[in-house]
N, C-alpha and C. Protein backbone atom coordinates (compact mmCIF):
# COMPACT_ATOMS: atom_id res chain seq x y z
N MET A 1 -7.04 -22.18 -3.09
CA MET A 1 -7.85 -21.11 -2.55
C MET A 1 -7.50 -19.82 -3.26
N GLY A 2 -8.51 -19.18 -3.89
CA GLY A 2 -8.30 -17.96 -4.63
C GLY A 2 -8.27 -16.74 -3.72
N PHE A 3 -7.88 -15.64 -4.30
CA PHE A 3 -7.79 -14.38 -3.57
C PHE A 3 -8.93 -13.49 -4.06
N ASP A 4 -9.88 -13.20 -3.18
CA ASP A 4 -11.00 -12.33 -3.53
C ASP A 4 -10.66 -10.90 -3.13
N ILE A 5 -10.32 -10.10 -4.10
CA ILE A 5 -9.83 -8.75 -3.83
C ILE A 5 -10.92 -7.86 -3.25
N ASP A 6 -12.16 -8.02 -3.72
CA ASP A 6 -13.26 -7.19 -3.20
C ASP A 6 -13.55 -7.49 -1.73
N THR A 7 -13.46 -8.75 -1.35
CA THR A 7 -13.66 -9.13 0.05
C THR A 7 -12.55 -8.54 0.92
N LYS A 8 -11.32 -8.60 0.43
CA LYS A 8 -10.20 -8.06 1.19
C LYS A 8 -10.31 -6.53 1.33
N ILE A 9 -10.78 -5.86 0.28
CA ILE A 9 -10.99 -4.41 0.34
C ILE A 9 -12.04 -4.09 1.39
N GLN A 10 -13.11 -4.87 1.41
CA GLN A 10 -14.17 -4.65 2.40
C GLN A 10 -13.64 -4.88 3.83
N GLU A 11 -12.81 -5.90 4.00
CA GLU A 11 -12.22 -6.17 5.32
C GLU A 11 -11.37 -4.98 5.79
N LEU A 12 -10.59 -4.43 4.87
CA LEU A 12 -9.74 -3.29 5.23
C LEU A 12 -10.57 -2.05 5.55
N LYS A 13 -11.66 -1.85 4.82
CA LYS A 13 -12.55 -0.71 5.12
C LYS A 13 -13.18 -0.87 6.51
N GLU A 14 -13.59 -2.09 6.83
CA GLU A 14 -14.15 -2.35 8.16
C GLU A 14 -13.10 -2.15 9.24
N LYS A 15 -11.87 -2.58 8.98
CA LYS A 15 -10.80 -2.40 9.95
C LYS A 15 -10.52 -0.92 10.18
N LEU A 16 -10.55 -0.12 9.12
CA LEU A 16 -10.36 1.32 9.26
C LEU A 16 -11.46 1.96 10.11
N GLU A 17 -12.69 1.52 9.89
CA GLU A 17 -13.80 2.04 10.69
C GLU A 17 -13.64 1.68 12.15
N SER A 18 -13.21 0.45 12.42
CA SER A 18 -13.03 0.05 13.82
C SER A 18 -11.90 0.83 14.48
N ILE A 19 -10.85 1.15 13.73
CA ILE A 19 -9.76 1.95 14.27
C ILE A 19 -10.25 3.35 14.60
N LYS A 20 -11.08 3.91 13.74
CA LYS A 20 -11.63 5.25 14.00
C LYS A 20 -12.52 5.24 15.24
N LYS A 21 -13.32 4.19 15.39
CA LYS A 21 -14.17 4.08 16.58
C LYS A 21 -13.33 3.91 17.84
N GLU A 22 -12.29 3.08 17.75
CA GLU A 22 -11.39 2.89 18.90
C GLU A 22 -10.74 4.21 19.30
N SER A 23 -10.37 4.99 18.31
CA SER A 23 -9.73 6.27 18.59
C SER A 23 -10.66 7.19 19.36
N GLU A 24 -11.94 7.16 19.02
CA GLU A 24 -12.92 8.01 19.71
C GLU A 24 -13.26 7.47 21.10
N GLU A 25 -13.31 6.15 21.22
CA GLU A 25 -13.72 5.53 22.48
C GLU A 25 -12.57 5.38 23.48
N ASN A 26 -11.42 5.02 23.00
CA ASN A 26 -10.29 4.72 23.89
C ASN A 26 -9.32 5.89 23.93
N ARG A 27 -9.45 6.73 24.89
CA ARG A 27 -8.59 7.91 25.01
C ARG A 27 -7.27 7.59 25.73
N MET A 28 -7.14 6.36 26.23
CA MET A 28 -5.93 5.98 26.97
C MET A 28 -4.74 5.75 26.03
N GLU A 29 -4.99 5.25 24.83
CA GLU A 29 -3.90 5.02 23.88
C GLU A 29 -3.54 6.35 23.21
N PRO A 30 -2.28 6.52 22.88
CA PRO A 30 -1.84 7.78 22.25
C PRO A 30 -2.48 7.98 20.88
N LYS A 31 -2.74 9.22 20.56
CA LYS A 31 -3.35 9.56 19.28
C LYS A 31 -2.45 9.15 18.12
N TRP A 32 -1.13 9.28 18.28
CA TRP A 32 -0.21 8.93 17.20
C TRP A 32 -0.31 7.45 16.85
N TRP A 33 -0.61 6.60 17.83
CA TRP A 33 -0.73 5.17 17.57
C TRP A 33 -1.91 4.89 16.66
N HIS A 34 -3.04 5.56 16.93
CA HIS A 34 -4.21 5.39 16.07
C HIS A 34 -3.94 5.93 14.66
N LEU A 35 -3.27 7.06 14.58
CA LEU A 35 -2.95 7.63 13.27
C LEU A 35 -2.00 6.72 12.48
N LEU A 36 -1.05 6.14 13.16
CA LEU A 36 -0.12 5.22 12.50
C LEU A 36 -0.84 3.99 11.96
N ARG A 37 -1.71 3.41 12.79
CA ARG A 37 -2.48 2.25 12.35
C ARG A 37 -3.40 2.62 11.19
N GLU A 38 -4.03 3.78 11.27
CA GLU A 38 -4.93 4.23 10.20
C GLU A 38 -4.15 4.43 8.90
N PHE A 39 -2.98 5.04 8.97
CA PHE A 39 -2.15 5.23 7.80
C PHE A 39 -1.75 3.89 7.18
N TYR A 40 -1.40 2.92 8.01
CA TYR A 40 -1.00 1.59 7.54
C TYR A 40 -2.12 0.93 6.73
N PHE A 41 -3.33 0.92 7.30
CA PHE A 41 -4.44 0.26 6.61
C PHE A 41 -4.92 1.05 5.40
N LYS A 42 -4.80 2.37 5.42
CA LYS A 42 -5.14 3.16 4.24
C LYS A 42 -4.19 2.85 3.09
N SER A 43 -2.91 2.68 3.40
CA SER A 43 -1.95 2.37 2.34
C SER A 43 -2.22 0.99 1.74
N LYS A 44 -2.58 0.01 2.60
CA LYS A 44 -2.93 -1.33 2.09
C LYS A 44 -4.18 -1.26 1.22
N LEU A 45 -5.16 -0.47 1.66
CA LEU A 45 -6.40 -0.30 0.89
C LEU A 45 -6.10 0.34 -0.46
N LYS A 46 -5.24 1.32 -0.48
CA LYS A 46 -4.87 1.99 -1.72
C LYS A 46 -4.20 1.02 -2.69
N GLN A 47 -3.34 0.14 -2.15
CA GLN A 47 -2.69 -0.87 -2.99
C GLN A 47 -3.72 -1.80 -3.63
N LEU A 48 -4.65 -2.29 -2.83
CA LEU A 48 -5.65 -3.23 -3.36
C LEU A 48 -6.57 -2.56 -4.36
N GLU A 49 -6.94 -1.32 -4.13
CA GLU A 49 -7.79 -0.62 -5.09
C GLU A 49 -7.04 -0.39 -6.41
N ALA A 50 -5.74 -0.15 -6.34
CA ALA A 50 -4.94 -0.01 -7.56
C ALA A 50 -4.89 -1.32 -8.32
N ILE A 51 -4.76 -2.42 -7.60
CA ILE A 51 -4.75 -3.74 -8.25
C ILE A 51 -6.10 -4.02 -8.90
N ARG A 52 -7.18 -3.76 -8.15
CA ARG A 52 -8.52 -4.01 -8.69
C ARG A 52 -8.80 -3.17 -9.93
N ASP A 53 -8.38 -1.90 -9.91
CA ASP A 53 -8.67 -0.97 -11.01
C ASP A 53 -7.58 -0.96 -12.08
N LYS A 54 -6.55 -1.79 -11.90
CA LYS A 54 -5.43 -1.87 -12.84
C LYS A 54 -4.80 -0.50 -13.07
N ARG A 55 -4.48 0.18 -11.98
CA ARG A 55 -3.84 1.50 -12.06
C ARG A 55 -2.41 1.38 -11.56
N PHE A 56 -1.50 1.13 -12.46
CA PHE A 56 -0.09 1.02 -12.10
C PHE A 56 0.67 2.07 -12.89
N HIS A 57 0.98 3.18 -12.26
CA HIS A 57 1.72 4.25 -12.94
C HIS A 57 3.20 4.05 -12.67
N VAL A 58 3.98 4.01 -13.72
CA VAL A 58 5.40 3.74 -13.64
C VAL A 58 6.18 4.96 -14.11
N THR A 59 7.20 5.33 -13.34
CA THR A 59 8.10 6.41 -13.72
C THR A 59 9.51 5.85 -13.73
N ILE A 60 10.20 6.05 -14.83
CA ILE A 60 11.58 5.61 -14.95
C ILE A 60 12.47 6.85 -14.94
N SER A 61 13.43 6.86 -14.02
CA SER A 61 14.34 7.99 -13.92
C SER A 61 15.78 7.49 -13.93
N LEU A 62 16.67 8.36 -14.36
CA LEU A 62 18.09 8.07 -14.39
C LEU A 62 18.76 8.99 -13.37
N HIS A 63 19.48 8.40 -12.40
CA HIS A 63 20.15 9.17 -11.36
C HIS A 63 21.65 9.13 -11.62
N ILE A 64 22.24 10.32 -11.79
CA ILE A 64 23.68 10.41 -12.04
C ILE A 64 24.32 11.06 -10.83
N ASP A 65 25.33 10.40 -10.28
CA ASP A 65 26.04 10.91 -9.11
C ASP A 65 27.50 11.14 -9.49
N CYS A 66 27.90 12.40 -9.47
CA CYS A 66 29.28 12.75 -9.84
C CYS A 66 29.95 13.44 -8.65
N GLU A 67 31.10 12.95 -8.23
CA GLU A 67 31.80 13.54 -7.08
C GLU A 67 32.18 14.99 -7.35
N THR A 68 32.51 15.32 -8.57
CA THR A 68 32.96 16.68 -8.90
C THR A 68 31.81 17.66 -9.08
N PHE A 69 30.76 17.25 -9.78
CA PHE A 69 29.69 18.17 -10.14
C PHE A 69 28.38 17.92 -9.41
N GLY A 70 28.33 16.94 -8.54
CA GLY A 70 27.11 16.69 -7.77
C GLY A 70 26.22 15.65 -8.43
N SER A 71 24.98 15.62 -7.96
CA SER A 71 24.03 14.62 -8.44
C SER A 71 22.93 15.28 -9.26
N LYS A 72 22.38 14.51 -10.17
CA LYS A 72 21.29 15.00 -11.00
C LYS A 72 20.40 13.82 -11.34
N GLU A 73 19.10 14.05 -11.36
CA GLU A 73 18.15 13.01 -11.73
C GLU A 73 17.38 13.46 -12.96
N PHE A 74 17.29 12.59 -13.96
CA PHE A 74 16.61 12.89 -15.21
C PHE A 74 15.43 11.94 -15.38
N SER A 75 14.27 12.49 -15.64
CA SER A 75 13.10 11.66 -15.92
C SER A 75 13.24 11.10 -17.33
N VAL A 76 13.12 9.78 -17.45
CA VAL A 76 13.28 9.14 -18.75
C VAL A 76 11.93 8.89 -19.40
N ASP A 77 11.00 8.29 -18.64
CA ASP A 77 9.71 7.94 -19.23
C ASP A 77 8.67 7.72 -18.14
N GLU A 78 7.40 7.92 -18.48
CA GLU A 78 6.27 7.60 -17.60
C GLU A 78 5.22 6.89 -18.42
N PHE A 79 4.61 5.87 -17.83
CA PHE A 79 3.56 5.14 -18.53
C PHE A 79 2.72 4.38 -17.52
N ASP A 80 1.59 3.87 -17.96
CA ASP A 80 0.69 3.08 -17.13
C ASP A 80 0.73 1.63 -17.57
N LEU A 81 0.69 0.73 -16.60
CA LEU A 81 0.59 -0.70 -16.87
C LEU A 81 -0.84 -1.14 -16.54
N THR A 82 -1.47 -1.82 -17.46
CA THR A 82 -2.86 -2.25 -17.24
C THR A 82 -3.09 -3.70 -17.62
N ASP A 83 -2.02 -4.47 -17.76
CA ASP A 83 -2.18 -5.85 -18.23
C ASP A 83 -2.44 -6.81 -17.07
N GLU A 84 -2.96 -7.97 -17.39
CA GLU A 84 -3.31 -8.99 -16.40
C GLU A 84 -2.07 -9.56 -15.69
N ASN A 85 -0.97 -9.68 -16.39
CA ASN A 85 0.24 -10.22 -15.77
C ASN A 85 0.72 -9.30 -14.64
N THR A 86 0.63 -7.99 -14.83
CA THR A 86 1.01 -7.05 -13.78
C THR A 86 0.09 -7.18 -12.58
N VAL A 87 -1.20 -7.40 -12.84
CA VAL A 87 -2.17 -7.60 -11.76
C VAL A 87 -1.80 -8.86 -10.96
N LYS A 88 -1.50 -9.95 -11.67
CA LYS A 88 -1.13 -11.19 -10.99
C LYS A 88 0.13 -11.01 -10.14
N CYS A 89 1.13 -10.31 -10.69
CA CYS A 89 2.37 -10.05 -9.93
C CYS A 89 2.09 -9.19 -8.70
N ALA A 90 1.23 -8.19 -8.84
CA ALA A 90 0.91 -7.30 -7.73
C ALA A 90 0.16 -8.06 -6.63
N ILE A 91 -0.77 -8.92 -7.02
CA ILE A 91 -1.50 -9.73 -6.03
C ILE A 91 -0.54 -10.68 -5.32
N HIS A 92 0.35 -11.29 -6.09
CA HIS A 92 1.34 -12.20 -5.49
C HIS A 92 2.20 -11.46 -4.48
N ASP A 93 2.67 -10.28 -4.83
CA ASP A 93 3.50 -9.48 -3.94
C ASP A 93 2.72 -9.06 -2.69
N PHE A 94 1.47 -8.65 -2.86
CA PHE A 94 0.64 -8.25 -1.72
C PHE A 94 0.42 -9.43 -0.77
N ARG A 95 0.10 -10.58 -1.32
CA ARG A 95 -0.16 -11.76 -0.49
C ARG A 95 1.10 -12.26 0.20
N LYS A 96 2.23 -12.10 -0.44
CA LYS A 96 3.50 -12.54 0.16
C LYS A 96 3.72 -11.81 1.49
N TYR A 97 3.47 -10.53 1.52
CA TYR A 97 3.65 -9.76 2.75
C TYR A 97 2.49 -9.93 3.71
N GLU A 98 1.29 -10.18 3.20
CA GLU A 98 0.14 -10.41 4.06
C GLU A 98 0.27 -11.72 4.83
N ASP A 99 0.75 -12.75 4.14
CA ASP A 99 0.89 -14.07 4.78
C ASP A 99 1.97 -14.05 5.85
N GLY A 100 2.96 -13.19 5.70
CA GLY A 100 4.06 -13.15 6.65
C GLY A 100 3.82 -12.29 7.87
N LYS A 101 2.71 -11.56 7.93
CA LYS A 101 2.50 -10.63 9.03
C LYS A 101 1.30 -11.02 9.91
N LYS A 102 1.10 -12.24 10.15
CA LYS A 102 -0.03 -12.70 10.95
C LYS A 102 -0.01 -12.11 12.36
N ASP A 103 1.16 -11.88 12.92
CA ASP A 103 1.26 -11.37 14.29
C ASP A 103 1.68 -9.90 14.30
N SER A 104 1.22 -9.13 13.34
CA SER A 104 1.61 -7.72 13.23
C SER A 104 1.03 -6.91 14.38
N LEU A 105 1.75 -5.88 14.79
CA LEU A 105 1.28 -4.97 15.82
C LEU A 105 0.05 -4.18 15.38
N PHE A 106 -0.11 -3.97 14.08
CA PHE A 106 -1.16 -3.12 13.55
C PHE A 106 -2.51 -3.81 13.49
N THR A 107 -2.56 -5.13 13.54
CA THR A 107 -3.83 -5.83 13.39
C THR A 107 -4.52 -6.04 14.71
């Protein structure tokens, strides 16, 4: 069974819409709960859109921690990954967490 990214994106968009409607209709639940759920699904949607559009921005930094002089972080390099192998790894990672959260509080 393959993973259809466009279908999953559409599912997440529909879920976001239903959360917004629930927030307007159900005043009994706390507003923070709706905002938390909305933030969760927006972050998942952002991940899938990045996978679909092959937008993987990578930043490599070096963190030096010295007891005497303190800590310092140096930016080493920034680049974009757009290859198919990165897409496959990202989909695998996304599905690994999706398959494990069937009984999530947010769904």
